[in-house]
Amino acid sequence: MSGLVWGTVIVVPWLLVWLQNKMAGAKFVIDIAAYAALVLFSGIAGITVGEILVNNTVFMTSVHKVFLNPVFLVSGGWLGLYALQRLIVEGIFSGRIKKR
């Protein structure tokens, strides 16, 4: 399982960089997906924290129940991959990649 995670973390950001340079609308779609993921991730985290504070149930099981939400996990995973892709574009290849 850890090999799959490491492989995904290494390969997918580079695939996204390649894709945005080969397809005209790919960057727009990737950015919109990141925006949607950030809205979902933040909303779920905020709602969960709010529920915990209102219900005064600040226990380990209450705090960590957010990790049982698949939307939270998928959106957080996408944000991690997107952040790595942006670091590659803006850091490693800064000024060398066509911006669309």
PDB file of N, CA and C in Angstrom:
ATOM      1  N   MET A   1       0.810  -1.196   0.000  1.00  0.00           N
ATOM      2  CA  MET A   1       0.000   0.000   0.000  1.00  0.00           C
ATOM      3  C   MET A   1       0.858   1.267   0.000  1.00  0.00           C
ATOM      4  N   SER A   2       1.920   1.256   0.804  1.00  0.00           N
ATOM      5  CA  SER A   2       2.770   2.452   0.850  1.00  0.00           C
ATOM      6  C   SER A   2       3.475   2.676  -0.490  1.00  0.00           C
ATOM      7  N   GLY A   3       3.771   1.599  -1.210  1.00  0.00           N
ATOM      8  CA  GLY A   3       4.369   1.738  -2.536  1.00  0.00           C
ATOM      9  C   GLY A   3       3.429   2.436  -3.507  1.00  0.00           C
ATOM     10  N   LEU A   4       2.145   2.124  -3.406  1.00  0.00           N
ATOM     11  CA  LEU A   4       1.140   2.773  -4.251  1.00  0.00           C
ATOM     12  C   LEU A   4       1.054   4.264  -3.925  1.00  0.00           C
ATOM     13  N   VAL A   5       1.084   4.593  -2.657  1.00  0.00           N
ATOM     14  CA  VAL A   5       1.025   6.001  -2.243  1.00  0.00           C
ATOM     15  C   VAL A   5       2.254   6.747  -2.746  1.00  0.00           C
ATOM     16  N   TRP A   6       3.444   6.192  -2.517  1.00  0.00           N
ATOM     17  CA  TRP A   6       4.668   6.848  -2.979  1.00  0.00           C
ATOM     18  C   TRP A   6       4.687   6.982  -4.500  1.00  0.00           C
ATOM     19  N   GLY A   7       4.267   5.941  -5.195  1.00  0.00           N
ATOM     20  CA  GLY A   7       4.217   6.003  -6.657  1.00  0.00           C
ATOM     21  C   GLY A   7       3.280   7.088  -7.143  1.00  0.00           C
ATOM     22  N   THR A   8       2.125   7.193  -6.509  1.00  0.00           N
ATOM     23  CA  THR A   8       1.155   8.219  -6.889  1.00  0.00           C
ATOM     24  C   THR A   8       1.697   9.612  -6.611  1.00  0.00           C
ATOM     25  N   VAL A   9       2.307   9.806  -5.460  1.00  0.00           N
ATOM     26  CA  VAL A   9       2.842  11.117  -5.082  1.00  0.00           C
ATOM     27  C   VAL A   9       3.969  11.547  -6.015  1.00  0.00           C
ATOM     28  N   ILE A  10       4.707  10.601  -6.535  1.00  0.00           N
ATOM     29  CA  ILE A  10       5.817  10.929  -7.428  1.00  0.00           C
ATOM     30  C   ILE A  10       5.345  11.085  -8.871  1.00  0.00           C
ATOM     31  N   VAL A  11       4.496  10.196  -9.350  1.00  0.00           N
ATOM     32  CA  VAL A  11       4.123  10.161 -10.773  1.00  0.00           C
ATOM     33  C   VAL A  11       3.034  11.168 -11.140  1.00  0.00           C
ATOM     34  N   VAL A  12       1.975  11.249 -10.365  1.00  0.00           N
ATOM     35  CA  VAL A  12       0.814  12.060 -10.754  1.00  0.00           C
ATOM     36  C   VAL A  12       1.141  13.550 -10.923  1.00  0.00           C
ATOM     37  N   PRO A  13       1.896  14.195 -10.028  1.00  0.00           N
ATOM     38  CA  PRO A  13       2.217  15.609 -10.271  1.00  0.00           C
ATOM     39  C   PRO A  13       2.967  15.837 -11.587  1.00  0.00           C
ATOM     40  N   TRP A  14       3.889  14.940 -11.910  1.00  0.00           N
ATOM     41  CA  TRP A  14       4.611  15.065 -13.184  1.00  0.00           C
ATOM     42  C   TRP A  14       3.672  14.828 -14.366  1.00  0.00           C
ATOM     43  N   LEU A  15       2.730  13.910 -14.213  1.00  0.00           N
ATOM     44  CA  LEU A  15       1.727  13.669 -15.244  1.00  0.00           C
ATOM     45  C   LEU A  15       0.859  14.916 -15.451  1.00  0.00           C
ATOM     46  N   LEU A  16       0.509  15.588 -14.375  1.00  0.00           N
ATOM     47  CA  LEU A  16      -0.278  16.815 -14.474  1.00  0.00           C
ATOM     48  C   LEU A  16       0.505  17.928 -15.176  1.00  0.00           C
ATOM     49  N   VAL A  17       1.794  18.035 -14.889  1.00  0.00           N
ATOM     50  CA  VAL A  17       2.633  19.024 -15.566  1.00  0.00           C
ATOM     51  C   VAL A  17       2.671  18.735 -17.062  1.00  0.00           C
ATOM     52  N   TRP A  18       2.890  17.486 -17.411  1.00  0.00           N
ATOM     53  CA  TRP A  18       2.924  17.098 -18.817  1.00  0.00           C
ATOM     54  C   TRP A  18       1.583  17.378 -19.490  1.00  0.00           C
ATOM     55  N   LEU A  19       0.505  17.019 -18.816  1.00  0.00           N
ATOM     56  CA  LEU A  19      -0.834  17.190 -19.366  1.00  0.00           C
ATOM     57  C   LEU A  19      -1.156  18.659 -19.618  1.00  0.00           C
ATOM     58  N   GLN A  20      -0.797  19.522 -18.697  1.00  0.00           N
ATOM     59  CA  GLN A  20      -1.110  20.942 -18.878  1.00  0.00           C
ATOM     60  C   GLN A  20      -0.307  21.568 -20.008  1.00  0.00           C
ATOM     61  N   ASN A  21       0.807  20.961 -20.353  1.00  0.00           N
ATOM     62  CA  ASN A  21       1.595  21.476 -21.470  1.00  0.00           C
ATOM     63  C   ASN A  21       1.189  20.889 -22.809  1.00  0.00           C
ATOM     64  N   LYS A  22       0.461  19.788 -22.797  1.00  0.00           N
ATOM     65  CA  LYS A  22       0.038  19.146 -24.040  1.00  0.00           C
ATOM     66  C   LYS A  22      -1.384  19.508 -24.443  1.00  0.00           C
ATOM     67  N   MET A  23      -2.234  19.825 -23.480  1.00  0.00           N
ATOM     68  CA  MET A  23      -3.633  20.114 -23.775  1.00  0.00           C
ATOM     69  C   MET A  23      -3.956  21.540 -23.336  1.00  0.00           C
ATOM     70  N   ALA A  24      -4.567  22.293 -24.222  1.00  0.00           N
ATOM     71  CA  ALA A  24      -4.825  23.712 -23.970  1.00  0.00           C
ATOM     72  C   ALA A  24      -5.696  23.951 -22.732  1.00  0.00           C
ATOM     73  N   GLY A  25      -6.736  23.184 -22.517  1.00  0.00           N
ATOM     74  CA  GLY A  25      -7.645  23.436 -21.409  1.00  0.00           C
ATOM     75  C   GLY A  25      -7.337  22.675 -20.141  1.00  0.00           C
ATOM     76  N   ALA A  26      -6.277  21.897 -20.140  1.00  0.00           N
ATOM     77  CA  ALA A  26      -5.974  21.046 -18.987  1.00  0.00           C
ATOM     78  C   ALA A  26      -5.658  21.860 -17.735  1.00  0.00           C
ATOM     79  N   LYS A  27      -4.910  22.934 -17.869  1.00  0.00           N
ATOM     80  CA  LYS A  27      -4.570  23.749 -16.699  1.00  0.00           C
ATOM     81  C   LYS A  27      -5.825  24.306 -16.064  1.00  0.00           C
ATOM     82  N   PHE A  28      -6.763  24.780 -16.879  1.00  0.00           N
ATOM     83  CA  PHE A  28      -8.008  25.323 -16.363  1.00  0.00           C
ATOM     84  C   PHE A  28      -8.780  24.261 -15.582  1.00  0.00           C
ATOM     85  N   VAL A  29      -8.872  23.063 -16.141  1.00  0.00           N
ATOM     86  CA  VAL A  29      -9.600  21.967 -15.482  1.00  0.00           C
ATOM     87  C   VAL A  29      -8.901  21.576 -14.183  1.00  0.00           C
ATOM     88  N   ILE A  30      -7.586  21.498 -14.202  1.00  0.00           N
ATOM     89  CA  ILE A  30      -6.811  21.141 -13.009  1.00  0.00           C
ATOM     90  C   ILE A  30      -7.009  22.198 -11.919  1.00  0.00           C
ATOM     91  N   ASP A  31      -6.979  23.474 -12.301  1.00  0.00           N
ATOM     92  CA  ASP A  31      -7.162  24.559 -11.336  1.00  0.00           C
ATOM     93  C   ASP A  31      -8.585  24.574 -10.766  1.00  0.00           C
ATOM     94  N   ILE A  32      -9.589  24.342 -11.603  1.00  0.00           N
ATOM     95  CA  ILE A  32     -10.981  24.296 -11.136  1.00  0.00           C
ATOM     96  C   ILE A  32     -11.169  23.128 -10.177  1.00  0.00           C
ATOM     97  N   ALA A  33     -10.576  21.972 -10.498  1.00  0.00           N
ATOM     98  CA  ALA A  33     -10.671  20.808  -9.608  1.00  0.00           C
ATOM     99  C   ALA A  33     -10.017  21.119  -8.263  1.00  0.00           C
ATOM    100  N   ALA A  34      -8.910  21.842  -8.274  1.00  0.00           N
ATOM    101  CA  ALA A  34      -8.242  22.215  -7.018  1.00  0.00           C
ATOM    102  C   ALA A  34      -9.102  23.182  -6.221  1.00  0.00           C
ATOM    103  N   TYR A  35      -9.740  24.125  -6.902  1.00  0.00           N
ATOM    104  CA  TYR A  35     -10.631  25.065  -6.211  1.00  0.00           C
ATOM    105  C   TYR A  35     -11.786  24.317  -5.552  1.00  0.00           C
ATOM    106  N   ALA A  36     -12.423  23.409  -6.295  1.00  0.00           N
ATOM    107  CA  ALA A  36     -13.537  22.622  -5.752  1.00  0.00           C
ATOM    108  C   ALA A  36     -13.066  21.766  -4.576  1.00  0.00           C
ATOM    109  N   ALA A  37     -11.894  21.169  -4.706  1.00  0.00           N
ATOM    110  CA  ALA A  37     -11.359  20.345  -3.621  1.00  0.00           C
ATOM    111  C   ALA A  37     -11.094  21.186  -2.374  1.00  0.00           C
ATOM    112  N   LEU A  38     -10.575  22.393  -2.559  1.00  0.00           N
ATOM    113  CA  LEU A  38     -10.296  23.259  -1.413  1.00  0.00           C
ATOM    114  C   LEU A  38     -11.587  23.684  -0.721  1.00  0.00           C
ATOM    115  N   VAL A  39     -12.622  23.995  -1.506  1.00  0.00           N
ATOM    116  CA  VAL A  39     -13.915  24.355  -0.919  1.00  0.00           C
ATOM    117  C   VAL A  39     -14.473  23.181  -0.118  1.00  0.00           C
ATOM    118  N   LEU A  40     -14.462  21.988  -0.698  1.00  0.00           N
ATOM    119  CA  LEU A  40     -14.977  20.804   0.000  1.00  0.00           C
ATOM    120  C   LEU A  40     -14.157  20.494   1.252  1.00  0.00           C
ATOM    121  N   PHE A  41     -12.860  20.469   1.101  1.00  0.00           N
ATOM    122  CA  PHE A  41     -11.958  20.154   2.212  1.00  0.00           C
ATOM    123  C   PHE A  41     -12.149  21.132   3.366  1.00  0.00           C
ATOM    124  N   SER A  42     -12.151  22.418   3.049  1.00  0.00           N
ATOM    125  CA  SER A  42     -12.306  23.444   4.081  1.00  0.00           C
ATOM    126  C   SER A  42     -13.684  23.386   4.720  1.00  0.00           C
ATOM    127  N   GLY A  43     -14.701  23.208   3.901  1.00  0.00           N
ATOM    128  CA  GLY A  43     -16.061  23.137   4.424  1.00  0.00           C
ATOM    129  C   GLY A  43     -16.257  21.968   5.371  1.00  0.00           C
ATOM    130  N   ILE A  44     -15.795  20.802   4.968  1.00  0.00           N
ATOM    131  CA  ILE A  44     -15.935  19.611   5.814  1.00  0.00           C
ATOM    132  C   ILE A  44     -15.140  19.779   7.112  1.00  0.00           C
ATOM    133  N   ALA A  45     -13.918  20.289   7.007  1.00  0.00           N
ATOM    134  CA  ALA A  45     -13.108  20.502   8.212  1.00  0.00           C
ATOM    135  C   ALA A  45     -13.783  21.508   9.138  1.00  0.00           C
ATOM    136  N   GLY A  46     -14.283  22.592   8.589  1.00  0.00           N
ATOM    137  CA  GLY A  46     -14.940  23.618   9.401  1.00  0.00           C
ATOM    138  C   GLY A  46     -16.207  23.116  10.067  1.00  0.00           C
ATOM    139  N   ILE A  47     -17.026  22.395   9.315  1.00  0.00           N
ATOM    140  CA  ILE A  47     -18.265  21.854   9.873  1.00  0.00           C
ATOM    141  C   ILE A  47     -17.966  20.852  10.980  1.00  0.00           C
ATOM    142  N   THR A  48     -16.990  19.991  10.749  1.00  0.00           N
ATOM    143  CA  THR A  48     -16.636  18.989  11.754  1.00  0.00           C
ATOM    144  C   THR A  48     -16.115  19.644  13.028  1.00  0.00           C
ATOM    145  N   VAL A  49     -15.237  20.628  12.888  1.00  0.00           N
ATOM    146  CA  VAL A  49     -14.721  21.339  14.060  1.00  0.00           C
ATOM    147  C   VAL A  49     -15.858  22.066  14.779  1.00  0.00           C
ATOM    148  N   GLY A  50     -16.739  22.686  14.010  1.00  0.00           N
ATOM    149  CA  GLY A  50     -17.885  23.370  14.615  1.00  0.00           C
ATOM    150  C   GLY A  50     -18.770  22.423  15.405  1.00  0.00           C
ATOM    151  N   GLU A  51     -19.057  21.249  14.845  1.00  0.00           N
ATOM    152  CA  GLU A  51     -19.870  20.250  15.547  1.00  0.00           C
ATOM    153  C   GLU A  51     -19.189  19.799  16.842  1.00  0.00           C
ATOM    154  N   ILE A  52     -17.901  19.596  16.779  1.00  0.00           N
ATOM    155  CA  ILE A  52     -17.151  19.147  17.958  1.00  0.00           C
ATOM    156  C   ILE A  52     -17.203  20.212  19.058  1.00  0.00           C
ATOM    157  N   LEU A  53     -17.041  21.468  18.687  1.00  0.00           N
ATOM    158  CA  LEU A  53     -17.073  22.540  19.681  1.00  0.00           C
ATOM    159  C   LEU A  53     -18.470  22.757  20.253  1.00  0.00           C
ATOM    160  N   VAL A  54     -19.489  22.721  19.387  1.00  0.00           N
ATOM    161  CA  VAL A  54     -20.868  22.910  19.849  1.00  0.00           C
ATOM    162  C   VAL A  54     -21.293  21.774  20.775  1.00  0.00           C
ATOM    163  N   ASN A  55     -20.931  20.550  20.403  1.00  0.00           N
ATOM    164  CA  ASN A  55     -21.313  19.384  21.198  1.00  0.00           C
ATOM    165  C   ASN A  55     -20.379  19.143  22.388  1.00  0.00           C
ATOM    166  N   ASN A  56     -19.302  19.925  22.475  1.00  0.00           N
ATOM    167  CA  ASN A  56     -18.311  19.788  23.545  1.00  0.00           C
ATOM    168  C   ASN A  56     -17.804  18.347  23.650  1.00  0.00           C
ATOM    169  N   THR A  57     -17.459  17.780  22.480  1.00  0.00           N
ATOM    170  CA  THR A  57     -16.972  16.390  22.430  1.00  0.00           C
ATOM    171  C   THR A  57     -15.546  16.342  21.899  1.00  0.00           C
ATOM    172  N   VAL A  58     -14.672  17.077  22.529  1.00  0.00           N
ATOM    173  CA  VAL A  58     -13.294  17.144  22.069  1.00  0.00           C
ATOM    174  C   VAL A  58     -12.523  15.942  22.614  1.00  0.00           C
ATOM    175  N   PHE A  59     -12.758  14.802  21.989  1.00  0.00           N
ATOM    176  CA  PHE A  59     -12.056  13.574  22.321  1.00  0.00           C
ATOM    177  C   PHE A  59     -11.363  13.084  21.067  1.00  0.00           C
ATOM    178  N   MET A  60     -10.427  12.198  21.192  1.00  0.00           N
ATOM    179  CA  MET A  60      -9.689  11.675  20.041  1.00  0.00           C
ATOM    180  C   MET A  60     -10.629  11.118  18.981  1.00  0.00           C
ATOM    181  N   THR A  61     -11.626  10.340  19.372  1.00  0.00           N
ATOM    182  CA  THR A  61     -12.517   9.728  18.378  1.00  0.00           C
ATOM    183  C   THR A  61     -13.361  10.781  17.683  1.00  0.00           C
ATOM    184  N   SER A  62     -13.772  11.813  18.398  1.00  0.00           N
ATOM    185  CA  SER A  62     -14.586  12.871  17.793  1.00  0.00           C
ATOM    186  C   SER A  62     -13.769  13.692  16.806  1.00  0.00           C
ATOM    187  N   VAL A  63     -12.582  14.041  17.198  1.00  0.00           N
ATOM    188  CA  VAL A  63     -11.731  14.876  16.343  1.00  0.00           C
ATOM    189  C   VAL A  63     -11.343  14.130  15.066  1.00  0.00           C
ATOM    190  N   HIS A  64     -11.084  12.857  15.176  1.00  0.00           N
ATOM    191  CA  HIS A  64     -10.596  12.094  14.038  1.00  0.00           C
ATOM    192  C   HIS A  64     -11.698  11.488  13.173  1.00  0.00           C
ATOM    193  N   LYS A  65     -12.961  11.712  13.501  1.00  0.00           N
ATOM    194  CA  LYS A  65     -14.034  11.154  12.681  1.00  0.00           C
ATOM    195  C   LYS A  65     -14.060  11.773  11.287  1.00  0.00           C
ATOM    196  N   VAL A  66     -13.454  12.935  11.127  1.00  0.00           N
ATOM    197  CA  VAL A  66     -13.393  13.572   9.813  1.00  0.00           C
ATOM    198  C   VAL A  66     -12.639  12.687   8.813  1.00  0.00           C
ATOM    199  N   PHE A  67     -11.721  11.865   9.307  1.00  0.00           N
ATOM    200  CA  PHE A  67     -10.954  10.986   8.432  1.00  0.00           C
ATOM    201  C   PHE A  67     -11.774   9.820   7.887  1.00  0.00           C
ATOM    202  N   LEU A  68     -12.991   9.658   8.371  1.00  0.00           N
ATOM    203  CA  LEU A  68     -13.889   8.629   7.838  1.00  0.00           C
ATOM    204  C   LEU A  68     -14.697   9.149   6.652  1.00  0.00           C
ATOM    205  N   ASN A  69     -14.613  10.428   6.380  1.00  0.00           N
ATOM    206  CA  ASN A  69     -15.354  11.038   5.278  1.00  0.00           C
ATOM    207  C   ASN A  69     -14.552  10.898   3.985  1.00  0.00           C
ATOM    208  N   PRO A  70     -15.051  10.106   3.014  1.00  0.00           N
ATOM    209  CA  PRO A  70     -14.287   9.895   1.778  1.00  0.00           C
ATOM    210  C   PRO A  70     -14.115  11.171   0.954  1.00  0.00           C
ATOM    211  N   VAL A  71     -15.076  12.086   0.991  1.00  0.00           N
ATOM    212  CA  VAL A  71     -14.943  13.344   0.244  1.00  0.00           C
ATOM    213  C   VAL A  71     -13.795  14.171   0.819  1.00  0.00           C
ATOM    214  N   PHE A  72     -13.678  14.188   2.129  1.00  0.00           N
ATOM    215  CA  PHE A  72     -12.583  14.896   2.788  1.00  0.00           C
ATOM    216  C   PHE A  72     -11.240  14.295   2.370  1.00  0.00           C
ATOM    217  N   LEU A  73     -11.162  12.981   2.366  1.00  0.00           N
ATOM    218  CA  LEU A  73      -9.908  12.306   2.018  1.00  0.00           C
ATOM    219  C   LEU A  73      -9.531  12.519   0.556  1.00  0.00           C
ATOM    220  N   VAL A  74     -10.497  12.394  -0.346  1.00  0.00           N
ATOM    221  CA  VAL A  74     -10.214  12.571  -1.781  1.00  0.00           C
ATOM    222  C   VAL A  74      -9.832  14.013  -2.075  1.00  0.00           C
ATOM    223  N   SER A  75     -10.580  14.969  -1.514  1.00  0.00           N
ATOM    224  CA  SER A  75     -10.257  16.370  -1.778  1.00  0.00           C
ATOM    225  C   SER A  75      -8.895  16.743  -1.192  1.00  0.00           C
ATOM    226  N   GLY A  76      -8.583  16.231  -0.017  1.00  0.00           N
ATOM    227  CA  GLY A  76      -7.267  16.484   0.573  1.00  0.00           C
ATOM    228  C   GLY A  76      -6.146  15.852  -0.238  1.00  0.00           C
ATOM    229  N   GLY A  77      -6.396  14.651  -0.740  1.00  0.00           N
ATOM    230  CA  GLY A  77      -5.409  13.992  -1.598  1.00  0.00           C
ATOM    231  C   GLY A  77      -5.159  14.770  -2.873  1.00  0.00           C
ATOM    232  N   TRP A  78      -6.236  15.254  -3.492  1.00  0.00           N
ATOM    233  CA  TRP A  78      -6.092  16.047  -4.721  1.00  0.00           C
ATOM    234  C   TRP A  78      -5.319  17.331  -4.433  1.00  0.00           C
ATOM    235  N   LEU A  79      -5.602  17.975  -3.314  1.00  0.00           N
ATOM    236  CA  LEU A  79      -4.885  19.207  -2.973  1.00  0.00           C
ATOM    237  C   LEU A  79      -3.393  18.952  -2.787  1.00  0.00           C
ATOM    238  N   GLY A  80      -3.050  17.813  -2.214  1.00  0.00           N
ATOM    239  CA  GLY A  80      -1.640  17.468  -2.056  1.00  0.00           C
ATOM    240  C   GLY A  80      -0.949  17.275  -3.398  1.00  0.00           C
ATOM    241  N   LEU A  81      -1.604  16.559  -4.307  1.00  0.00           N
ATOM    242  CA  LEU A  81      -1.038  16.333  -5.639  1.00  0.00           C
ATOM    243  C   LEU A  81      -0.957  17.643  -6.426  1.00  0.00           C
ATOM    244  N   TYR A  82      -1.989  18.460  -6.306  1.00  0.00           N
ATOM    245  CA  TYR A  82      -2.014  19.754  -6.985  1.00  0.00           C
ATOM    246  C   TYR A  82      -0.882  20.649  -6.464  1.00  0.00           C
ATOM    247  N   ALA A  83      -0.682  20.653  -5.152  1.00  0.00           N
ATOM    248  CA  ALA A  83       0.386  21.470  -4.573  1.00  0.00           C
ATOM    249  C   ALA A  83       1.756  21.024  -5.086  1.00  0.00           C
ATOM    250  N   LEU A  84       1.968  19.721  -5.177  1.00  0.00           N
ATOM    251  CA  LEU A  84       3.232  19.217  -5.719  1.00  0.00           C
ATOM    252  C   LEU A  84       3.403  19.621  -7.180  1.00  0.00           C
ATOM    253  N   GLN A  85       2.328  19.552  -7.950  1.00  0.00           N
ATOM    254  CA  GLN A  85       2.377  19.949  -9.360  1.00  0.00           C
ATOM    255  C   GLN A  85       2.721  21.429  -9.483  1.00  0.00           C
ATOM    256  N   ARG A  86       2.121  22.271  -8.643  1.00  0.00           N
ATOM    257  CA  ARG A  86       2.400  23.708  -8.689  1.00  0.00           C
ATOM    258  C   ARG A  86       3.854  23.984  -8.281  1.00  0.00           C
ATOM    259  N   LEU A  87       4.373  23.223  -7.319  1.00  0.00           N
ATOM    260  CA  LEU A  87       5.776  23.393  -6.932  1.00  0.00           C
ATOM    261  C   LEU A  87       6.715  23.034  -8.077  1.00  0.00           C
ATOM    262  N   ILE A  88       6.368  22.006  -8.821  1.00  0.00           N
ATOM    263  CA  ILE A  88       7.187  21.627  -9.976  1.00  0.00           C
ATOM    264  C   ILE A  88       7.174  22.744 -11.006  1.00  0.00           C
ATOM    265  N   VAL A  89       5.987  23.248 -11.336  1.00  0.00           N
ATOM    266  CA  VAL A  89       5.860  24.284 -12.364  1.00  0.00           C
ATOM    267  C   VAL A  89       6.503  25.593 -11.916  1.00  0.00           C
ATOM    268  N   GLU A  90       6.175  26.047 -10.713  1.00  0.00           N
ATOM    269  CA  GLU A  90       6.649  27.355 -10.256  1.00  0.00           C
ATOM    270  C   GLU A  90       8.062  27.311  -9.678  1.00  0.00           C
ATOM    271  N   GLY A  91       8.522  26.139  -9.275  1.00  0.00           N
ATOM    272  CA  GLY A  91       9.845  26.030  -8.685  1.00  0.00           C
ATOM    273  C   GLY A  91      10.878  25.487  -9.652  1.00  0.00           C
ATOM    274  N   ILE A  92      10.756  24.223  -9.980  1.00  0.00           N
ATOM    275  CA  ILE A  92      11.754  23.550 -10.806  1.00  0.00           C
ATOM    276  C   ILE A  92      11.802  24.122 -12.221  1.00  0.00           C
ATOM    277  N   PHE A  93      10.624  24.311 -12.827  1.00  0.00           N
ATOM    278  CA  PHE A  93      10.567  24.759 -14.216  1.00  0.00           C
ATOM    279  C   PHE A  93      10.128  26.207 -14.354  1.00  0.00           C
ATOM    280  N   SER A  94      10.313  26.988 -13.338  1.00  0.00           N
ATOM    281  CA  SER A  94       9.885  28.383 -13.367  1.00  0.00           C
ATOM    282  C   SER A  94      10.466  29.108 -14.584  1.00  0.00           C
ATOM    283  N   GLY A  95       9.578  29.612 -15.408  1.00  0.00           N
ATOM    284  CA  GLY A  95       9.994  30.333 -16.606  1.00  0.00           C
ATOM    285  C   GLY A  95      10.289  29.453 -17.798  1.00  0.00           C
ATOM    286  N   ARG A  96      10.296  28.129 -17.642  1.00  0.00           N
ATOM    287  CA  ARG A  96      10.621  27.229 -18.751  1.00  0.00           C
ATOM    288  C   ARG A  96       9.394  26.541 -19.328  1.00  0.00           C
ATOM    289  N   ILE A  97       8.265  26.605 -18.619  1.00  0.00           N
ATOM    290  CA  ILE A  97       7.056  25.933 -19.077  1.00  0.00           C
ATOM    291  C   ILE A  97       6.094  26.964 -19.620  1.00  0.00           C
ATOM    292  N   LYS A  98       5.462  26.632 -20.754  1.00  0.00           N
ATOM    293  CA  LYS A  98       4.477  27.522 -21.339  1.00  0.00           C
ATOM    294  C   LYS A  98       3.304  27.662 -20.380  1.00  0.00           C
ATOM    295  N   LYS A  99       2.903  28.893 -20.118  1.00  0.00           N
ATOM    296  CA  LYS A  99       1.731  29.118 -19.270  1.00  0.00           C
ATOM    297  C   LYS A  99       0.544  29.388 -20.172  1.00  0.00           C
ATOM    298  N   ARG A 100      -0.512  28.644 -19.945  1.00  0.00           N
ATOM    299  CA  ARG A 100      -1.717  28.787 -20.781  1.00  0.00           C
ATOM    300  C   ARG A 100      -2.788  29.483 -20.010  1.00  0.00           C
TER     301      ARG A 100
END
